[in-house]
Amino acid sequence: MDETHVRAYQALRTTWAEVGNQKQVPSYEHHDHVSIFGAVDVQQGDVMFHRASSANAETFLDFLRRLKEKYADRFLVLVLDNARIHHAKMVQAFLDGEEGAAFHFIFFPPYSPQLNPIERLWKWLKDEVIANVFHKDQNDIAQSITRFEQYVLQHSDEVLRHIGCTV
């Protein structure tokens, strides 16, 4: 489980171009972004996404409630980083309450994103959505993210391969 931000400004990556024809990626001076919470089932490849205007304790709780709604009959073990929003007082109060009984948090050691499988999903997202691509506005970013999400939700086998949880 993690959150990420897809920003309008470009991530330029290595790409192929015809000799003498350098690839041009236009740019605006705005910094639109879309924040996304995500969780991945490392056994089944099932992914859940939740977009938010920003990543804070309140939007994190929204995501937890959506997870609980989707997996109402399950006890959810979430492995997360030590972001401040995951330790916020309102999150702790939620976990201590009736709704929070459906969750158990396990925290990664500090500064260890390489241990979190969803980080590889975020890399895939950014490679597909923003690498060497120009997005004119937030709506354009959102449309690209939607295409990626729809693809991922239909290809759990590929999700498992990308996050390194398959042979």
N, C-alpha and C. Protein backbone atom coordinates (compact mmCIF):
# COMPACT_ATOMS: atom_id res chain seq x y z
N MET A 1 0.86 -1.16 0.00
CA MET A 1 0.00 0.00 0.00
C MET A 1 0.89 1.22 0.00
N ASP A 2 0.52 2.19 -0.82
CA ASP A 2 1.33 3.39 -0.91
C ASP A 2 0.53 4.46 -1.65
N GLU A 3 1.11 5.62 -1.72
CA GLU A 3 0.53 6.71 -2.49
C GLU A 3 1.62 7.28 -3.38
N THR A 4 1.18 7.89 -4.49
CA THR A 4 2.12 8.52 -5.41
C THR A 4 1.46 9.74 -6.02
N HIS A 5 2.24 10.52 -6.71
CA HIS A 5 1.74 11.72 -7.38
C HIS A 5 2.21 11.68 -8.83
N VAL A 6 1.29 11.87 -9.74
CA VAL A 6 1.64 11.95 -11.16
C VAL A 6 1.54 13.42 -11.53
N ARG A 7 2.68 13.98 -11.91
CA ARG A 7 2.76 15.41 -12.16
C ARG A 7 2.79 15.72 -13.65
N ALA A 8 2.35 16.91 -14.01
CA ALA A 8 2.29 17.32 -15.41
C ALA A 8 3.68 17.53 -16.00
N TYR A 9 4.64 17.91 -15.18
CA TYR A 9 5.95 18.13 -15.77
C TYR A 9 6.59 16.79 -16.07
N GLN A 10 7.33 16.78 -17.13
CA GLN A 10 7.77 15.54 -17.75
C GLN A 10 8.90 14.84 -17.02
N ALA A 11 8.87 13.53 -17.16
CA ALA A 11 9.99 12.68 -16.76
C ALA A 11 10.63 12.24 -18.06
N LEU A 12 11.75 12.80 -18.36
CA LEU A 12 12.41 12.43 -19.61
C LEU A 12 13.25 11.19 -19.38
N ARG A 13 13.04 10.21 -20.24
CA ARG A 13 13.74 8.93 -20.13
C ARG A 13 14.41 8.63 -21.45
N THR A 14 15.26 7.66 -21.42
CA THR A 14 15.92 7.22 -22.63
C THR A 14 14.88 6.76 -23.63
N THR A 15 15.06 7.16 -24.87
CA THR A 15 14.12 6.76 -25.92
C THR A 15 14.88 6.68 -27.23
N TRP A 16 14.28 6.04 -28.20
CA TRP A 16 14.88 5.93 -29.53
C TRP A 16 14.41 7.08 -30.39
N ALA A 17 15.31 7.56 -31.22
CA ALA A 17 14.96 8.60 -32.18
C ALA A 17 15.83 8.40 -33.41
N GLU A 18 15.31 8.85 -34.53
CA GLU A 18 16.07 8.77 -35.78
C GLU A 18 17.32 9.64 -35.64
N VAL A 19 18.43 9.19 -36.20
CA VAL A 19 19.68 9.94 -36.13
C VAL A 19 19.45 11.34 -36.68
N GLY A 20 19.87 12.34 -35.89
CA GLY A 20 19.73 13.72 -36.30
C GLY A 20 18.34 14.31 -36.03
N ASN A 21 17.45 13.53 -35.43
CA ASN A 21 16.09 13.96 -35.15
C ASN A 21 15.79 13.80 -33.67
N GLN A 22 16.27 14.70 -32.84
CA GLN A 22 16.08 14.59 -31.40
C GLN A 22 14.61 14.73 -31.04
N LYS A 23 14.12 13.86 -30.16
CA LYS A 23 12.72 13.91 -29.73
C LYS A 23 12.49 15.19 -28.93
N GLN A 24 11.40 15.87 -29.24
CA GLN A 24 11.03 17.10 -28.55
C GLN A 24 9.79 16.82 -27.70
N VAL A 25 9.83 17.21 -26.43
CA VAL A 25 8.68 17.08 -25.54
C VAL A 25 8.32 18.48 -25.08
N PRO A 26 7.15 19.00 -25.53
CA PRO A 26 6.77 20.36 -25.13
C PRO A 26 6.50 20.44 -23.63
N SER A 27 6.46 21.65 -23.13
CA SER A 27 6.23 21.83 -21.70
C SER A 27 5.50 23.14 -21.44
N TYR A 28 4.65 23.12 -20.41
CA TYR A 28 4.05 24.34 -19.89
C TYR A 28 4.71 24.62 -18.55
N GLU A 29 4.49 25.79 -18.03
CA GLU A 29 5.08 26.12 -16.74
C GLU A 29 4.11 25.90 -15.59
N HIS A 30 3.16 24.98 -15.75
CA HIS A 30 2.25 24.68 -14.65
C HIS A 30 2.64 23.33 -14.05
N HIS A 31 2.19 23.10 -12.86
CA HIS A 31 2.57 21.87 -12.15
C HIS A 31 1.33 21.12 -11.67
N ASP A 32 0.39 20.87 -12.58
CA ASP A 32 -0.78 20.07 -12.22
C ASP A 32 -0.33 18.68 -11.80
N HIS A 33 -1.12 18.08 -10.92
CA HIS A 33 -0.79 16.71 -10.51
C HIS A 33 -2.06 15.97 -10.10
N VAL A 34 -1.92 14.66 -10.04
CA VAL A 34 -2.98 13.80 -9.54
C VAL A 34 -2.34 12.91 -8.48
N SER A 35 -2.95 12.83 -7.30
CA SER A 35 -2.46 11.95 -6.23
C SER A 35 -3.26 10.65 -6.29
N ILE A 36 -2.55 9.55 -6.09
CA ILE A 36 -3.19 8.24 -6.17
C ILE A 36 -2.76 7.39 -4.98
N PHE A 37 -3.73 6.80 -4.30
CA PHE A 37 -3.47 5.77 -3.30
C PHE A 37 -3.65 4.43 -4.01
N GLY A 38 -2.87 3.46 -3.61
CA GLY A 38 -3.02 2.15 -4.24
C GLY A 38 -2.64 1.04 -3.29
N ALA A 39 -3.26 -0.10 -3.51
CA ALA A 39 -2.93 -1.32 -2.77
C ALA A 39 -2.94 -2.46 -3.76
N VAL A 40 -2.03 -3.39 -3.58
CA VAL A 40 -1.94 -4.54 -4.47
C VAL A 40 -1.91 -5.81 -3.65
N ASP A 41 -2.68 -6.79 -4.07
CA ASP A 41 -2.67 -8.12 -3.46
C ASP A 41 -1.53 -8.88 -4.12
N VAL A 42 -0.46 -9.14 -3.39
CA VAL A 42 0.74 -9.74 -3.98
C VAL A 42 0.57 -11.22 -4.31
N GLN A 43 -0.55 -11.82 -3.94
CA GLN A 43 -0.82 -13.21 -4.31
C GLN A 43 -1.71 -13.31 -5.55
N GLN A 44 -2.69 -12.42 -5.66
CA GLN A 44 -3.65 -12.48 -6.76
C GLN A 44 -3.39 -11.45 -7.87
N GLY A 45 -2.65 -10.39 -7.55
CA GLY A 45 -2.43 -9.33 -8.53
C GLY A 45 -3.58 -8.35 -8.61
N ASP A 46 -4.53 -8.45 -7.69
CA ASP A 46 -5.66 -7.51 -7.66
C ASP A 46 -5.15 -6.17 -7.15
N VAL A 47 -5.57 -5.10 -7.81
CA VAL A 47 -5.11 -3.75 -7.46
C VAL A 47 -6.33 -2.88 -7.18
N MET A 48 -6.18 -2.01 -6.20
CA MET A 48 -7.21 -1.01 -5.94
C MET A 48 -6.55 0.36 -5.96
N PHE A 49 -7.14 1.27 -6.73
CA PHE A 49 -6.66 2.64 -6.84
C PHE A 49 -7.70 3.59 -6.26
N HIS A 50 -7.22 4.70 -5.73
CA HIS A 50 -8.11 5.76 -5.26
C HIS A 50 -7.41 7.09 -5.50
N ARG A 51 -8.02 7.93 -6.30
CA ARG A 51 -7.45 9.25 -6.59
C ARG A 51 -7.93 10.26 -5.57
N ALA A 52 -7.06 11.20 -5.29
CA ALA A 52 -7.38 12.25 -4.32
C ALA A 52 -6.74 13.55 -4.78
N SER A 53 -7.25 14.65 -4.26
CA SER A 53 -6.67 15.95 -4.61
C SER A 53 -5.28 16.12 -4.00
N SER A 54 -5.04 15.42 -2.88
CA SER A 54 -3.73 15.44 -2.23
C SER A 54 -3.63 14.19 -1.36
N ALA A 55 -2.44 13.91 -0.91
CA ALA A 55 -2.24 12.77 -0.02
C ALA A 55 -2.05 13.29 1.39
N ASN A 56 -3.08 13.13 2.22
CA ASN A 56 -3.00 13.54 3.62
C ASN A 56 -3.75 12.51 4.46
N ALA A 57 -3.78 12.70 5.75
CA ALA A 57 -4.41 11.71 6.64
C ALA A 57 -5.89 11.51 6.30
N GLU A 58 -6.57 12.58 5.95
CA GLU A 58 -7.99 12.48 5.64
C GLU A 58 -8.23 11.65 4.37
N THR A 59 -7.46 11.91 3.32
CA THR A 59 -7.65 11.14 2.08
C THR A 59 -7.14 9.71 2.24
N PHE A 60 -6.16 9.50 3.11
CA PHE A 60 -5.71 8.14 3.43
C PHE A 60 -6.84 7.37 4.10
N LEU A 61 -7.55 8.01 5.03
CA LEU A 61 -8.69 7.36 5.68
C LEU A 61 -9.79 7.03 4.67
N ASP A 62 -10.02 7.92 3.71
CA ASP A 62 -10.99 7.63 2.65
C ASP A 62 -10.60 6.35 1.93
N PHE A 63 -9.32 6.22 1.62
CA PHE A 63 -8.83 5.03 0.94
C PHE A 63 -9.03 3.77 1.80
N LEU A 64 -8.71 3.88 3.09
CA LEU A 64 -8.91 2.73 3.98
C LEU A 64 -10.38 2.30 4.01
N ARG A 65 -11.27 3.26 4.06
CA ARG A 65 -12.71 2.94 4.08
C ARG A 65 -13.14 2.25 2.78
N ARG A 66 -12.58 2.69 1.67
CA ARG A 66 -12.90 2.05 0.38
C ARG A 66 -12.34 0.62 0.33
N LEU A 67 -11.14 0.45 0.87
CA LEU A 67 -10.58 -0.91 0.95
C LEU A 67 -11.48 -1.81 1.78
N LYS A 68 -11.89 -1.30 2.92
CA LYS A 68 -12.75 -2.08 3.82
C LYS A 68 -14.07 -2.43 3.15
N GLU A 69 -14.60 -1.49 2.39
CA GLU A 69 -15.85 -1.74 1.67
C GLU A 69 -15.67 -2.81 0.60
N LYS A 70 -14.57 -2.74 -0.14
CA LYS A 70 -14.32 -3.71 -1.21
C LYS A 70 -14.07 -5.11 -0.64
N TYR A 71 -13.34 -5.17 0.46
CA TYR A 71 -12.97 -6.46 1.07
C TYR A 71 -13.66 -6.60 2.43
N ALA A 72 -14.96 -6.42 2.45
CA ALA A 72 -15.73 -6.38 3.69
C ALA A 72 -15.61 -7.65 4.52
N ASP A 73 -15.39 -8.77 3.88
CA ASP A 73 -15.35 -10.05 4.59
C ASP A 73 -13.93 -10.49 4.94
N ARG A 74 -12.96 -9.58 4.81
CA ARG A 74 -11.57 -9.97 5.05
C ARG A 74 -10.91 -9.12 6.13
N PHE A 75 -9.90 -9.73 6.77
CA PHE A 75 -9.01 -8.99 7.66
C PHE A 75 -7.87 -8.52 6.77
N LEU A 76 -7.58 -7.23 6.75
CA LEU A 76 -6.62 -6.65 5.82
C LEU A 76 -5.30 -6.32 6.50
N VAL A 77 -4.25 -6.95 6.03
CA VAL A 77 -2.90 -6.66 6.51
C VAL A 77 -2.26 -5.76 5.46
N LEU A 78 -1.94 -4.54 5.86
CA LEU A 78 -1.33 -3.58 4.95
C LEU A 78 0.12 -3.37 5.35
N VAL A 79 0.98 -3.47 4.36
CA VAL A 79 2.40 -3.21 4.57
C VAL A 79 2.67 -1.84 3.96
N LEU A 80 3.16 -0.92 4.80
CA LEU A 80 3.31 0.46 4.35
C LEU A 80 4.63 1.08 4.79
N ASP A 81 4.92 2.21 4.14
CA ASP A 81 6.11 2.96 4.54
C ASP A 81 5.77 3.81 5.76
N ASN A 82 6.71 4.56 6.21
CA ASN A 82 6.54 5.35 7.43
C ASN A 82 6.15 6.79 7.16
N ALA A 83 5.41 7.02 6.09
CA ALA A 83 4.95 8.38 5.80
C ALA A 83 4.16 8.91 7.00
N ARG A 84 4.30 10.19 7.23
CA ARG A 84 3.66 10.83 8.37
C ARG A 84 2.14 10.59 8.40
N ILE A 85 1.52 10.59 7.21
CA ILE A 85 0.06 10.42 7.18
C ILE A 85 -0.37 9.04 7.69
N HIS A 86 0.50 8.05 7.61
CA HIS A 86 0.15 6.71 8.08
C HIS A 86 0.18 6.62 9.61
N HIS A 87 0.80 7.59 10.25
CA HIS A 87 0.91 7.61 11.72
C HIS A 87 0.09 8.74 12.36
N ALA A 88 -0.70 9.43 11.55
CA ALA A 88 -1.45 10.60 12.05
C ALA A 88 -2.41 10.20 13.16
N LYS A 89 -2.69 11.15 14.04
CA LYS A 89 -3.61 10.90 15.17
C LYS A 89 -4.98 10.43 14.68
N MET A 90 -5.49 11.03 13.61
CA MET A 90 -6.82 10.63 13.14
C MET A 90 -6.80 9.20 12.56
N VAL A 91 -5.67 8.80 12.01
CA VAL A 91 -5.54 7.42 11.51
C VAL A 91 -5.49 6.46 12.69
N GLN A 92 -4.72 6.82 13.71
CA GLN A 92 -4.63 5.97 14.91
C GLN A 92 -6.00 5.82 15.58
N ALA A 93 -6.75 6.92 15.64
CA ALA A 93 -8.09 6.87 16.23
C ALA A 93 -9.00 5.95 15.41
N PHE A 94 -8.87 6.00 14.10
CA PHE A 94 -9.64 5.11 13.23
C PHE A 94 -9.29 3.64 13.51
N LEU A 95 -7.99 3.36 13.60
CA LEU A 95 -7.54 1.97 13.85
C LEU A 95 -7.98 1.47 15.21
N ASP A 96 -8.04 2.36 16.18
CA ASP A 96 -8.47 1.99 17.53
C ASP A 96 -9.98 1.80 17.63
N GLY A 97 -10.71 2.31 16.65
CA GLY A 97 -12.18 2.21 16.66
C GLY A 97 -12.67 0.92 16.01
N GLU A 98 -13.98 0.83 15.92
CA GLU A 98 -14.62 -0.37 15.38
C GLU A 98 -14.23 -0.65 13.93
N GLU A 99 -14.21 0.41 13.10
CA GLU A 99 -13.84 0.24 11.68
C GLU A 99 -12.42 -0.27 11.53
N GLY A 100 -11.53 0.20 12.39
CA GLY A 100 -10.12 -0.15 12.29
C GLY A 100 -9.80 -1.58 12.65
N ALA A 101 -10.75 -2.29 13.26
CA ALA A 101 -10.51 -3.68 13.65
C ALA A 101 -10.27 -4.58 12.44
N ALA A 102 -10.64 -4.13 11.26
CA ALA A 102 -10.45 -4.93 10.04
C ALA A 102 -9.03 -4.82 9.49
N PHE A 103 -8.19 -3.97 10.12
CA PHE A 103 -6.86 -3.69 9.59
C PHE A 103 -5.75 -4.05 10.57
N HIS A 104 -4.61 -4.43 9.97
CA HIS A 104 -3.37 -4.56 10.73
C HIS A 104 -2.29 -3.93 9.86
N PHE A 105 -1.54 -2.99 10.41
CA PHE A 105 -0.47 -2.32 9.68
C PHE A 105 0.87 -2.92 10.05
N ILE A 106 1.68 -3.16 9.05
CA ILE A 106 3.08 -3.53 9.23
C ILE A 106 3.89 -2.47 8.50
N PHE A 107 4.85 -1.88 9.19
CA PHE A 107 5.62 -0.79 8.60
C PHE A 107 6.98 -1.27 8.13
N PHE A 108 7.35 -0.84 6.94
CA PHE A 108 8.69 -1.11 6.42
C PHE A 108 9.71 -0.33 7.24
N PRO A 109 10.95 -0.78 7.24
CA PRO A 109 11.99 0.03 7.88
C PRO A 109 12.09 1.38 7.14
N PRO A 110 12.53 2.42 7.83
CA PRO A 110 12.67 3.72 7.17
C PRO A 110 13.57 3.64 5.94
N TYR A 111 13.24 4.44 4.94
CA TYR A 111 14.03 4.58 3.72
C TYR A 111 14.26 3.25 3.00
N SER A 112 13.19 2.48 2.82
CA SER A 112 13.34 1.19 2.13
C SER A 112 12.24 0.97 1.08
N PRO A 113 12.07 1.90 0.16
CA PRO A 113 11.01 1.74 -0.85
C PRO A 113 11.23 0.50 -1.73
N GLN A 114 12.47 0.05 -1.84
CA GLN A 114 12.76 -1.13 -2.65
C GLN A 114 12.07 -2.38 -2.12
N LEU A 115 11.62 -2.36 -0.88
CA LEU A 115 10.94 -3.51 -0.29
C LEU A 115 9.44 -3.52 -0.61
N ASN A 116 8.91 -2.41 -1.08
CA ASN A 116 7.47 -2.28 -1.28
C ASN A 116 7.11 -2.62 -2.73
N PRO A 117 6.40 -3.73 -2.96
CA PRO A 117 6.06 -4.12 -4.34
C PRO A 117 5.29 -3.06 -5.12
N ILE A 118 4.46 -2.27 -4.45
CA ILE A 118 3.68 -1.29 -5.20
C ILE A 118 4.55 -0.18 -5.77
N GLU A 119 5.75 0.00 -5.24
CA GLU A 119 6.66 0.99 -5.83
C GLU A 119 6.98 0.61 -7.28
N ARG A 120 7.05 -0.69 -7.57
CA ARG A 120 7.29 -1.13 -8.94
C ARG A 120 6.06 -0.90 -9.82
N LEU A 121 4.87 -0.95 -9.22
CA LEU A 121 3.66 -0.61 -9.96
C LEU A 121 3.66 0.89 -10.28
N TRP A 122 4.07 1.70 -9.32
CA TRP A 122 4.15 3.15 -9.57
C TRP A 122 5.16 3.45 -10.67
N LYS A 123 6.27 2.73 -10.69
CA LYS A 123 7.26 2.95 -11.76
C LYS A 123 6.65 2.62 -13.11
N TRP A 124 5.93 1.50 -13.18
CA TRP A 124 5.25 1.11 -14.40
C TRP A 124 4.25 2.19 -14.82
N LEU A 125 3.46 2.67 -13.88
CA LEU A 125 2.50 3.74 -14.15
C LEU A 125 3.21 4.95 -14.75
N LYS A 126 4.26 5.38 -14.12
CA LYS A 126 4.95 6.59 -14.58
C LYS A 126 5.66 6.36 -15.91
N ASP A 127 6.18 5.15 -16.13
CA ASP A 127 6.78 4.84 -17.43
C ASP A 127 5.73 4.93 -18.53
N GLU A 128 4.52 4.49 -18.24
CA GLU A 128 3.45 4.48 -19.24
C GLU A 128 2.76 5.84 -19.38
N VAL A 129 2.63 6.57 -18.29
CA VAL A 129 1.78 7.76 -18.30
C VAL A 129 2.56 9.06 -18.49
N ILE A 130 3.75 9.18 -17.89
CA ILE A 130 4.41 10.49 -17.97
C ILE A 130 5.78 10.49 -18.64
N ALA A 131 6.40 9.33 -18.79
CA ALA A 131 7.75 9.32 -19.38
C ALA A 131 7.68 9.77 -20.84
N ASN A 132 8.38 10.86 -21.14
CA ASN A 132 8.48 11.41 -22.49
C ASN A 132 7.12 11.77 -23.09
N VAL A 133 6.17 12.14 -22.24
CA VAL A 133 4.82 12.48 -22.70
C VAL A 133 4.48 13.88 -22.18
N PHE A 134 3.77 14.62 -23.00
CA PHE A 134 3.31 15.95 -22.62
C PHE A 134 1.83 15.88 -22.26
N HIS A 135 1.47 16.36 -21.08
CA HIS A 135 0.07 16.46 -20.66
C HIS A 135 -0.26 17.94 -20.52
N LYS A 136 -1.28 18.36 -21.25
CA LYS A 136 -1.59 19.80 -21.27
C LYS A 136 -2.25 20.31 -20.00
N ASP A 137 -2.93 19.38 -19.26
CA ASP A 137 -3.59 19.82 -18.02
C ASP A 137 -3.90 18.60 -17.15
N GLN A 138 -4.51 18.87 -16.01
CA GLN A 138 -4.81 17.81 -15.03
C GLN A 138 -5.78 16.78 -15.61
N ASN A 139 -6.73 17.21 -16.41
CA ASN A 139 -7.68 16.30 -17.03
C ASN A 139 -6.96 15.33 -17.98
N ASP A 140 -6.01 15.83 -18.71
CA ASP A 140 -5.24 14.99 -19.63
C ASP A 140 -4.44 13.93 -18.85
N ILE A 141 -3.87 14.34 -17.73
CA ILE A 141 -3.16 13.37 -16.86
C ILE A 141 -4.15 12.31 -16.38
N ALA A 142 -5.30 12.75 -15.90
CA ALA A 142 -6.31 11.84 -15.36
C ALA A 142 -6.76 10.82 -16.41
N GLN A 143 -6.93 11.25 -17.64
CA GLN A 143 -7.35 10.33 -18.70
C GLN A 143 -6.28 9.27 -18.95
N SER A 144 -5.02 9.67 -18.94
CA SER A 144 -3.93 8.71 -19.12
C SER A 144 -3.87 7.71 -17.97
N ILE A 145 -4.09 8.21 -16.75
CA ILE A 145 -4.09 7.33 -15.58
C ILE A 145 -5.25 6.35 -15.67
N THR A 146 -6.42 6.82 -16.10
CA THR A 146 -7.59 5.94 -16.24
C THR A 146 -7.29 4.80 -17.20
N ARG A 147 -6.67 5.11 -18.33
CA ARG A 147 -6.32 4.05 -19.30
C ARG A 147 -5.38 3.02 -18.66
N PHE A 148 -4.40 3.51 -17.91
CA PHE A 148 -3.47 2.60 -17.23
C PHE A 148 -4.23 1.74 -16.21
N GLU A 149 -5.05 2.37 -15.38
CA GLU A 149 -5.80 1.64 -14.35
C GLU A 149 -6.69 0.57 -14.98
N GLN A 150 -7.38 0.91 -16.05
CA GLN A 150 -8.26 -0.06 -16.71
C GLN A 150 -7.46 -1.26 -17.22
N TYR A 151 -6.30 -0.98 -17.77
CA TYR A 151 -5.46 -2.06 -18.27
C TYR A 151 -5.01 -2.97 -17.11
N VAL A 152 -4.50 -2.35 -16.07
CA VAL A 152 -3.99 -3.09 -14.91
C VAL A 152 -5.07 -3.95 -14.26
N LEU A 153 -6.27 -3.40 -14.14
CA LEU A 153 -7.36 -4.13 -13.50
C LEU A 153 -7.77 -5.37 -14.29
N GLN A 154 -7.45 -5.41 -15.57
CA GLN A 154 -7.79 -6.56 -16.41
C GLN A 154 -6.62 -7.52 -16.61
N HIS A 155 -5.46 -7.20 -16.09
CA HIS A 155 -4.26 -8.02 -16.34
C HIS A 155 -3.49 -8.30 -15.05
N SER A 156 -4.11 -9.02 -14.14
CA SER A 156 -3.47 -9.30 -12.84
C SER A 156 -2.19 -10.11 -13.00
N ASP A 157 -2.11 -10.94 -14.03
CA ASP A 157 -0.88 -11.71 -14.27
C ASP A 157 0.29 -10.78 -14.59
N GLU A 158 0.01 -9.75 -15.36
CA GLU A 158 1.05 -8.78 -15.69
C GLU A 158 1.43 -7.93 -14.47
N VAL A 159 0.45 -7.64 -13.63
CA VAL A 159 0.73 -6.91 -12.39
C VAL A 159 1.72 -7.71 -11.55
N LEU A 160 1.43 -8.99 -11.36
CA LEU A 160 2.33 -9.83 -10.56
C LEU A 160 3.73 -9.88 -11.15
N ARG A 161 3.83 -9.94 -12.46
CA ARG A 161 5.14 -9.95 -13.12
C ARG A 161 5.87 -8.63 -12.88
N HIS A 162 5.17 -7.51 -13.04
CA HIS A 162 5.80 -6.20 -12.86
C HIS A 162 6.25 -5.94 -11.42
N ILE A 163 5.51 -6.45 -10.45
CA ILE A 163 5.89 -6.19 -9.05
C ILE A 163 6.84 -7.26 -8.51
N GLY A 164 7.18 -8.24 -9.35
CA GLY A 164 8.16 -9.25 -8.96
C GLY A 164 7.61 -10.33 -8.06
N CYS A 165 6.33 -10.64 -8.19
CA CYS A 165 5.69 -11.64 -7.33
C CYS A 165 5.22 -12.86 -8.12
N THR A 166 5.93 -13.21 -9.17
CA THR A 166 5.62 -14.39 -9.94
C THR A 166 6.91 -15.02 -10.44
N VAL A 167 6.82 -16.28 -10.75
CA VAL A 167 8.02 -17.01 -11.22
C VAL A 167 8.13 -16.88 -12.72
